[in-house]
């Protein structure tokens, strides 16, 4: 099992439409709207790097997505 954070930058005015499309993504564990350099963070859970690439390709195809940055989780610590 591979987990990753996909940081998503959207075009101005397209956040709501992008979020609606993202609700249909398989392998998205959670979606958060954030302040800062990116607009959305998707926490993904996939079985392979190939599936992660397919997920990021789907995100790139959503109208209003400008750029993504994927961070693979190497170790997750429960508190």
PDB file of N, CA and C in Angstrom:
ATOM      1  N   UNK A   1       0.841  -1.173   0.000  1.00  0.00           N
ATOM      2  CA  UNK A   1       0.000   0.000   0.000  1.00  0.00           C
ATOM      3  C   UNK A   1       0.891   1.241   0.000  1.00  0.00           C
ATOM      4  N   UNK A   2       0.607   2.147  -0.906  1.00  0.00           N
ATOM      5  CA  UNK A   2       1.349   3.409  -1.007  1.00  0.00           C
ATOM      6  C   UNK A   2       0.390   4.544  -0.679  1.00  0.00           C
ATOM      7  N   UNK A   3       0.851   5.451   0.192  1.00  0.00           N
ATOM      8  CA  UNK A   3       0.077   6.648   0.507  1.00  0.00           C
ATOM      9  C   UNK A   3       0.863   7.864   0.038  1.00  0.00           C
ATOM     10  N   UNK A   4       0.133   8.892  -0.351  1.00  0.00           N
ATOM     11  CA  UNK A   4       0.794  10.105  -0.823  1.00  0.00           C
ATOM     12  C   UNK A   4      -0.109  11.304  -0.613  1.00  0.00           C
ATOM     13  N   UNK A   5       0.521  12.454  -0.519  1.00  0.00           N
ATOM     14  CA  UNK A   5      -0.204  13.720  -0.529  1.00  0.00           C
ATOM     15  C   UNK A   5      -0.013  14.332  -1.905  1.00  0.00           C
ATOM     16  N   UNK A   6      -1.115  14.718  -2.528  1.00  0.00           N
ATOM     17  CA  UNK A   6      -1.049  15.382  -3.824  1.00  0.00           C
ATOM     18  C   UNK A   6      -1.499  16.822  -3.599  1.00  0.00           C
ATOM     19  N   UNK A   7      -0.560  17.753  -3.730  1.00  0.00           N
ATOM     20  CA  UNK A   7      -0.832  19.163  -3.538  1.00  0.00           C
ATOM     21  C   UNK A   7      -1.293  19.733  -4.873  1.00  0.00           C
ATOM     22  N   UNK A   8      -2.413  20.436  -4.856  1.00  0.00           N
ATOM     23  CA  UNK A   8      -3.047  20.886  -6.101  1.00  0.00           C
ATOM     24  C   UNK A   8      -3.191  22.405  -6.096  1.00  0.00           C
ATOM     25  N   UNK A   9      -2.730  23.034  -7.164  1.00  0.00           N
ATOM     26  CA  UNK A   9      -2.913  24.466  -7.380  1.00  0.00           C
ATOM     27  C   UNK A   9      -3.979  24.636  -8.457  1.00  0.00           C
ATOM     28  N   UNK A  10      -4.967  25.465  -8.177  1.00  0.00           N
ATOM     29  CA  UNK A  10      -6.048  25.687  -9.142  1.00  0.00           C
ATOM     30  C   UNK A  10      -5.959  27.102  -9.712  1.00  0.00           C
ATOM     31  N   UNK A  11      -6.645  27.303 -10.828  1.00  0.00           N
ATOM     32  CA  UNK A  11      -6.760  28.640 -11.391  1.00  0.00           C
ATOM     33  C   UNK A  11      -7.762  29.439 -10.557  1.00  0.00           C
ATOM     34  N   UNK A  12      -7.576  30.738 -10.496  1.00  0.00           N
ATOM     35  CA  UNK A  12      -8.457  31.618  -9.729  1.00  0.00           C
ATOM     36  C   UNK A  12      -9.905  31.429 -10.189  1.00  0.00           C
ATOM     37  N   UNK A  13     -10.798  31.246  -9.215  1.00  0.00           N
ATOM     38  CA  UNK A  13     -12.212  31.109  -9.504  1.00  0.00           C
ATOM     39  C   UNK A  13     -12.686  29.705  -9.832  1.00  0.00           C
ATOM     40  N   UNK A  14     -11.773  28.729  -9.832  1.00  0.00           N
ATOM     41  CA  UNK A  14     -12.166  27.376 -10.233  1.00  0.00           C
ATOM     42  C   UNK A  14     -12.178  26.375  -9.080  1.00  0.00           C
ATOM     43  N   UNK A  15     -11.917  26.830  -7.861  1.00  0.00           N
ATOM     44  CA  UNK A  15     -11.792  25.921  -6.722  1.00  0.00           C
ATOM     45  C   UNK A  15     -13.043  25.069  -6.514  1.00  0.00           C
ATOM     46  N   UNK A  16     -14.209  25.685  -6.501  1.00  0.00           N
ATOM     47  CA  UNK A  16     -15.450  24.959  -6.234  1.00  0.00           C
ATOM     48  C   UNK A  16     -15.691  23.868  -7.284  1.00  0.00           C
ATOM     49  N   UNK A  17     -15.497  24.182  -8.558  1.00  0.00           N
ATOM     50  CA  UNK A  17     -15.707  23.208  -9.629  1.00  0.00           C
ATOM     51  C   UNK A  17     -14.698  22.063  -9.541  1.00  0.00           C
ATOM     52  N   UNK A  18     -13.465  22.382  -9.207  1.00  0.00           N
ATOM     53  CA  UNK A  18     -12.439  21.343  -9.068  1.00  0.00           C
ATOM     54  C   UNK A  18     -12.800  20.404  -7.919  1.00  0.00           C
ATOM     55  N   UNK A  19     -13.231  20.958  -6.803  1.00  0.00           N
ATOM     56  CA  UNK A  19     -13.621  20.120  -5.660  1.00  0.00           C
ATOM     57  C   UNK A  19     -14.768  19.180  -6.015  1.00  0.00           C
ATOM     58  N   UNK A  20     -15.739  19.665  -6.754  1.00  0.00           N
ATOM     59  CA  UNK A  20     -16.867  18.812  -7.161  1.00  0.00           C
ATOM     60  C   UNK A  20     -16.384  17.637  -8.002  1.00  0.00           C
ATOM     61  N   UNK A  21     -15.465  17.881  -8.923  1.00  0.00           N
ATOM     62  CA  UNK A  21     -14.921  16.800  -9.755  1.00  0.00           C
ATOM     63  C   UNK A  21     -14.101  15.819  -8.915  1.00  0.00           C
ATOM     64  N   UNK A  22     -13.379  16.329  -7.937  1.00  0.00           N
ATOM     65  CA  UNK A  22     -12.512  15.478  -7.122  1.00  0.00           C
ATOM     66  C   UNK A  22     -13.307  14.514  -6.246  1.00  0.00           C
ATOM     67  N   UNK A  23     -14.552  14.824  -5.965  1.00  0.00           N
ATOM     68  CA  UNK A  23     -15.393  13.925  -5.152  1.00  0.00           C
ATOM     69  C   UNK A  23     -15.537  12.555  -5.816  1.00  0.00           C
ATOM     70  N   UNK A  24     -15.323  12.485  -7.114  1.00  0.00           N
ATOM     71  CA  UNK A  24     -15.480  11.232  -7.863  1.00  0.00           C
ATOM     72  C   UNK A  24     -14.185  10.431  -7.982  1.00  0.00           C
ATOM     73  N   UNK A  25     -13.094  10.927  -7.429  1.00  0.00           N
ATOM     74  CA  UNK A  25     -11.815  10.240  -7.565  1.00  0.00           C
ATOM     75  C   UNK A  25     -11.763   8.971  -6.717  1.00  0.00           C
ATOM     76  N   UNK A  26     -11.393   7.872  -7.341  1.00  0.00           N
ATOM     77  CA  UNK A  26     -11.113   6.658  -6.577  1.00  0.00           C
ATOM     78  C   UNK A  26      -9.730   6.826  -5.957  1.00  0.00           C
ATOM     79  N   UNK A  27      -9.488   6.162  -4.880  1.00  0.00           N
ATOM     80  CA  UNK A  27      -8.198   6.170  -4.190  1.00  0.00           C
ATOM     81  C   UNK A  27      -7.899   7.463  -3.443  1.00  0.00           C
ATOM     82  N   UNK A  28      -8.849   8.400  -3.403  1.00  0.00           N
ATOM     83  CA  UNK A  28      -8.664   9.608  -2.603  1.00  0.00           C
ATOM     84  C   UNK A  28      -9.212   9.329  -1.209  1.00  0.00           C
ATOM     85  N   UNK A  29      -8.337   9.330  -0.215  1.00  0.00           N
ATOM     86  CA  UNK A  29      -8.735   9.054   1.159  1.00  0.00           C
ATOM     87  C   UNK A  29      -9.381  10.289   1.791  1.00  0.00           C
ATOM     88  N   UNK A  30      -8.840  11.463   1.461  1.00  0.00           N
ATOM     89  CA  UNK A  30      -9.425  12.711   1.944  1.00  0.00           C
ATOM     90  C   UNK A  30      -9.010  13.855   1.019  1.00  0.00           C
ATOM     91  N   UNK A  31      -9.803  14.926   1.081  1.00  0.00           N
ATOM     92  CA  UNK A  31      -9.528  16.121   0.287  1.00  0.00           C
ATOM     93  C   UNK A  31      -9.660  17.310   1.232  1.00  0.00           C
ATOM     94  N   UNK A  32      -8.633  18.165   1.282  1.00  0.00           N
ATOM     95  CA  UNK A  32      -8.651  19.321   2.175  1.00  0.00           C
ATOM     96  C   UNK A  32      -8.359  20.594   1.392  1.00  0.00           C
ATOM     97  N   UNK A  33      -9.121  21.636   1.679  1.00  0.00           N
ATOM     98  CA  UNK A  33      -8.841  22.964   1.143  1.00  0.00           C
ATOM     99  C   UNK A  33      -7.909  23.639   2.134  1.00  0.00           C
ATOM    100  N   UNK A  34      -6.804  24.183   1.636  1.00  0.00           N
ATOM    101  CA  UNK A  34      -5.789  24.763   2.513  1.00  0.00           C
ATOM    102  C   UNK A  34      -5.394  26.164   2.046  1.00  0.00           C
ATOM    103  N   UNK A  35      -4.787  26.903   2.950  1.00  0.00           N
ATOM    104  CA  UNK A  35      -4.230  28.215   2.620  1.00  0.00           C
ATOM    105  C   UNK A  35      -2.730  28.035   2.405  1.00  0.00           C
ATOM    106  N   UNK A  36      -2.162  28.833   1.534  1.00  0.00           N
ATOM    107  CA  UNK A  36      -0.721  28.746   1.295  1.00  0.00           C
ATOM    108  C   UNK A  36      -0.417  28.656  -0.184  1.00  0.00           C
ATOM    109  N   UNK A  37       0.674  27.985  -0.520  1.00  0.00           N
ATOM    110  CA  UNK A  37       1.121  27.898  -1.907  1.00  0.00           C
ATOM    111  C   UNK A  37       0.204  27.040  -2.771  1.00  0.00           C
ATOM    112  N   UNK A  38      -0.525  26.118  -2.163  1.00  0.00           N
ATOM    113  CA  UNK A  38      -1.449  25.256  -2.885  1.00  0.00           C
ATOM    114  C   UNK A  38      -2.858  25.482  -2.360  1.00  0.00           C
ATOM    115  N   UNK A  39      -3.847  25.044  -3.111  1.00  0.00           N
ATOM    116  CA  UNK A  39      -5.244  25.259  -2.748  1.00  0.00           C
ATOM    117  C   UNK A  39      -5.903  24.027  -2.138  1.00  0.00           C
ATOM    118  N   UNK A  40      -5.467  22.848  -2.575  1.00  0.00           N
ATOM    119  CA  UNK A  40      -6.087  21.586  -2.168  1.00  0.00           C
ATOM    120  C   UNK A  40      -4.988  20.571  -1.881  1.00  0.00           C
ATOM    121  N   UNK A  41      -5.221  19.740  -0.860  1.00  0.00           N
ATOM    122  CA  UNK A  41      -4.344  18.586  -0.634  1.00  0.00           C
ATOM    123  C   UNK A  41      -5.218  17.338  -0.652  1.00  0.00           C
ATOM    124  N   UNK A  42      -4.847  16.407  -1.521  1.00  0.00           N
ATOM    125  CA  UNK A  42      -5.531  15.119  -1.611  1.00  0.00           C
ATOM    126  C   UNK A  42      -4.634  14.078  -0.951  1.00  0.00           C
ATOM    127  N   UNK A  43      -5.187  13.336   0.014  1.00  0.00           N
ATOM    128  CA  UNK A  43      -4.452  12.211   0.581  1.00  0.00           C
ATOM    129  C   UNK A  43      -4.905  10.974  -0.178  1.00  0.00           C
ATOM    130  N   UNK A  44      -3.953  10.319  -0.823  1.00  0.00           N
ATOM    131  CA  UNK A  44      -4.257   9.177  -1.685  1.00  0.00           C
ATOM    132  C   UNK A  44      -3.740   7.893  -1.069  1.00  0.00           C
ATOM    133  N   UNK A  45      -4.457   6.812  -1.387  1.00  0.00           N
ATOM    134  CA  UNK A  45      -4.041   5.466  -0.990  1.00  0.00           C
ATOM    135  C   UNK A  45      -4.160   4.589  -2.230  1.00  0.00           C
ATOM    136  N   UNK A  46      -3.028   4.054  -2.702  1.00  0.00           N
ATOM    137  CA  UNK A  46      -3.001   3.248  -3.921  1.00  0.00           C
ATOM    138  C   UNK A  46      -2.186   1.981  -3.672  1.00  0.00           C
ATOM    139  N   UNK A  47      -2.271   1.062  -4.612  1.00  0.00           N
ATOM    140  CA  UNK A  47      -1.532  -0.199  -4.478  1.00  0.00           C
ATOM    141  C   UNK A  47      -0.169  -0.176  -5.150  1.00  0.00           C
ATOM    142  N   UNK A  48       0.043   0.791  -6.055  1.00  0.00           N
ATOM    143  CA  UNK A  48       1.310   0.819  -6.788  1.00  0.00           C
ATOM    144  C   UNK A  48       1.612   2.234  -7.254  1.00  0.00           C
ATOM    145  N   UNK A  49       2.853   2.459  -7.629  1.00  0.00           N
ATOM    146  CA  UNK A  49       3.222   3.760  -8.182  1.00  0.00           C
ATOM    147  C   UNK A  49       2.510   4.012  -9.508  1.00  0.00           C
ATOM    148  N   UNK A  50       2.224   2.958 -10.232  1.00  0.00           N
ATOM    149  CA  UNK A  50       1.472   3.076 -11.479  1.00  0.00           C
ATOM    150  C   UNK A  50       0.077   3.645 -11.205  1.00  0.00           C
ATOM    151  N   UNK A  51      -0.588   3.139 -10.155  1.00  0.00           N
ATOM    152  CA  UNK A  51      -1.903   3.660  -9.780  1.00  0.00           C
ATOM    153  C   UNK A  51      -1.811   5.118  -9.324  1.00  0.00           C
ATOM    154  N   UNK A  52      -0.727   5.474  -8.645  1.00  0.00           N
ATOM    155  CA  UNK A  52      -0.538   6.856  -8.214  1.00  0.00           C
ATOM    156  C   UNK A  52      -0.392   7.765  -9.431  1.00  0.00           C
ATOM    157  N   UNK A  53       0.338   7.313 -10.426  1.00  0.00           N
ATOM    158  CA  UNK A  53       0.497   8.087 -11.650  1.00  0.00           C
ATOM    159  C   UNK A  53      -0.852   8.259 -12.358  1.00  0.00           C
ATOM    160  N   UNK A  54      -1.650   7.194 -12.392  1.00  0.00           N
ATOM    161  CA  UNK A  54      -2.980   7.276 -13.011  1.00  0.00           C
ATOM    162  C   UNK A  54      -3.869   8.274 -12.268  1.00  0.00           C
ATOM    163  N   UNK A  55      -3.782   8.287 -10.937  1.00  0.00           N
ATOM    164  CA  UNK A  55      -4.568   9.225 -10.150  1.00  0.00           C
ATOM    165  C   UNK A  55      -4.138  10.668 -10.429  1.00  0.00           C
ATOM    166  N   UNK A  56      -2.848  10.918 -10.457  1.00  0.00           N
ATOM    167  CA  UNK A  56      -2.388  12.285 -10.739  1.00  0.00           C
ATOM    168  C   UNK A  56      -2.758  12.700 -12.157  1.00  0.00           C
ATOM    169  N   UNK A  57      -2.734  11.760 -13.092  1.00  0.00           N
ATOM    170  CA  UNK A  57      -3.182  12.071 -14.461  1.00  0.00           C
ATOM    171  C   UNK A  57      -4.652  12.478 -14.471  1.00  0.00           C
ATOM    172  N   UNK A  58      -5.485  11.779 -13.683  1.00  0.00           N
ATOM    173  CA  UNK A  58      -6.907  12.134 -13.590  1.00  0.00           C
ATOM    174  C   UNK A  58      -7.081  13.524 -12.993  1.00  0.00           C
ATOM    175  N   UNK A  59      -6.287  13.833 -11.975  1.00  0.00           N
ATOM    176  CA  UNK A  59      -6.365  15.165 -11.367  1.00  0.00           C
ATOM    177  C   UNK A  59      -5.942  16.223 -12.377  1.00  0.00           C
ATOM    178  N   UNK A  60      -4.882  15.965 -13.140  1.00  0.00           N
ATOM    179  CA  UNK A  60      -4.431  16.923 -14.157  1.00  0.00           C
ATOM    180  C   UNK A  60      -5.498  17.176 -15.216  1.00  0.00           C
ATOM    181  N   UNK A  61      -6.347  16.194 -15.468  1.00  0.00           N
ATOM    182  CA  UNK A  61      -7.362  16.338 -16.513  1.00  0.00           C
ATOM    183  C   UNK A  61      -8.589  17.135 -16.050  1.00  0.00           C
ATOM    184  N   UNK A  62      -8.671  17.440 -14.754  1.00  0.00           N
ATOM    185  CA  UNK A  62      -9.803  18.220 -14.238  1.00  0.00           C
ATOM    186  C   UNK A  62      -9.637  19.677 -14.667  1.00  0.00           C
ATOM    187  N   UNK A  63     -10.667  20.206 -15.302  1.00  0.00           N
ATOM    188  CA  UNK A  63     -10.627  21.597 -15.750  1.00  0.00           C
ATOM    189  C   UNK A  63     -10.500  22.510 -14.531  1.00  0.00           C
ATOM    190  N   UNK A  64      -9.520  23.387 -14.554  1.00  0.00           N
ATOM    191  CA  UNK A  64      -9.279  24.309 -13.456  1.00  0.00           C
ATOM    192  C   UNK A  64      -8.038  23.972 -12.644  1.00  0.00           C
ATOM    193  N   UNK A  65      -7.464  22.783 -12.852  1.00  0.00           N
ATOM    194  CA  UNK A  65      -6.233  22.408 -12.156  1.00  0.00           C
ATOM    195  C   UNK A  65      -5.049  22.989 -12.927  1.00  0.00           C
ATOM    196  N   UNK A  66      -4.236  23.751 -12.225  1.00  0.00           N
ATOM    197  CA  UNK A  66      -3.069  24.387 -12.848  1.00  0.00           C
ATOM    198  C   UNK A  66      -1.822  23.523 -12.722  1.00  0.00           C
ATOM    199  N   UNK A  67      -1.594  22.980 -11.504  1.00  0.00           N
ATOM    200  CA  UNK A  67      -0.357  22.227 -11.269  1.00  0.00           C
ATOM    201  C   UNK A  67      -0.541  21.340 -10.051  1.00  0.00           C
ATOM    202  N   UNK A  68       0.225  20.246  -9.985  1.00  0.00           N
ATOM    203  CA  UNK A  68       0.235  19.391  -8.798  1.00  0.00           C
ATOM    204  C   UNK A  68       1.676  19.143  -8.356  1.00  0.00           C
ATOM    205  N   UNK A  69       1.796  18.706  -7.114  1.00  0.00           N
ATOM    206  CA  UNK A  69       3.078  18.301  -6.555  1.00  0.00           C
ATOM    207  C   UNK A  69       2.780  17.099  -5.668  1.00  0.00           C
ATOM    208  N   UNK A  70       3.337  15.943  -5.992  1.00  0.00           N
ATOM    209  CA  UNK A  70       3.037  14.712  -5.274  1.00  0.00           C
ATOM    210  C   UNK A  70       4.151  14.381  -4.289  1.00  0.00           C
ATOM    211  N   UNK A  71       3.737  14.106  -3.046  1.00  0.00           N
ATOM    212  CA  UNK A  71       4.669  13.750  -1.978  1.00  0.00           C
ATOM    213  C   UNK A  71       4.314  12.359  -1.471  1.00  0.00           C
ATOM    214  N   UNK A  72       5.154  11.363  -1.755  1.00  0.00           N
ATOM    215  CA  UNK A  72       4.915  10.003  -1.293  1.00  0.00           C
ATOM    216  C   UNK A  72       5.259   9.924   0.200  1.00  0.00           C
ATOM    217  N   UNK A  73       4.364   9.319   0.966  1.00  0.00           N
ATOM    218  CA  UNK A  73       4.584   9.171   2.407  1.00  0.00           C
ATOM    219  C   UNK A  73       5.493   7.966   2.646  1.00  0.00           C
ATOM    220  N   UNK A  74       6.645   8.209   3.238  1.00  0.00           N
ATOM    221  CA  UNK A  74       7.568   7.134   3.541  1.00  0.00           C
ATOM    222  C   UNK A  74       7.243   6.468   4.868  1.00  0.00           C
ATOM    223  N   UNK A  75       6.823   7.272   5.846  1.00  0.00           N
ATOM    224  CA  UNK A  75       6.485   6.754   7.161  1.00  0.00           C
ATOM    225  C   UNK A  75       5.421   7.658   7.750  1.00  0.00           C
ATOM    226  N   UNK A  76       4.389   7.062   8.320  1.00  0.00           N
ATOM    227  CA  UNK A  76       3.321   7.827   8.940  1.00  0.00           C
ATOM    228  C   UNK A  76       3.285   7.474  10.424  1.00  0.00           C
ATOM    229  N   UNK A  77       3.247   8.499  11.257  1.00  0.00           N
ATOM    230  CA  UNK A  77       3.289   8.302  12.708  1.00  0.00           C
ATOM    231  C   UNK A  77       1.944   8.676  13.293  1.00  0.00           C
ATOM    232  N   UNK A  78       1.297   7.725  13.932  1.00  0.00           N
ATOM    233  CA  UNK A  78       0.022   7.971  14.598  1.00  0.00           C
ATOM    234  C   UNK A  78       0.303   8.570  15.973  1.00  0.00           C
ATOM    235  N   UNK A  79      -0.422   9.607  16.340  1.00  0.00           N
ATOM    236  CA  UNK A  79      -0.217  10.251  17.650  1.00  0.00           C
ATOM    237  C   UNK A  79      -1.451  10.029  18.502  1.00  0.00           C
TER     238      UNK A  79
END
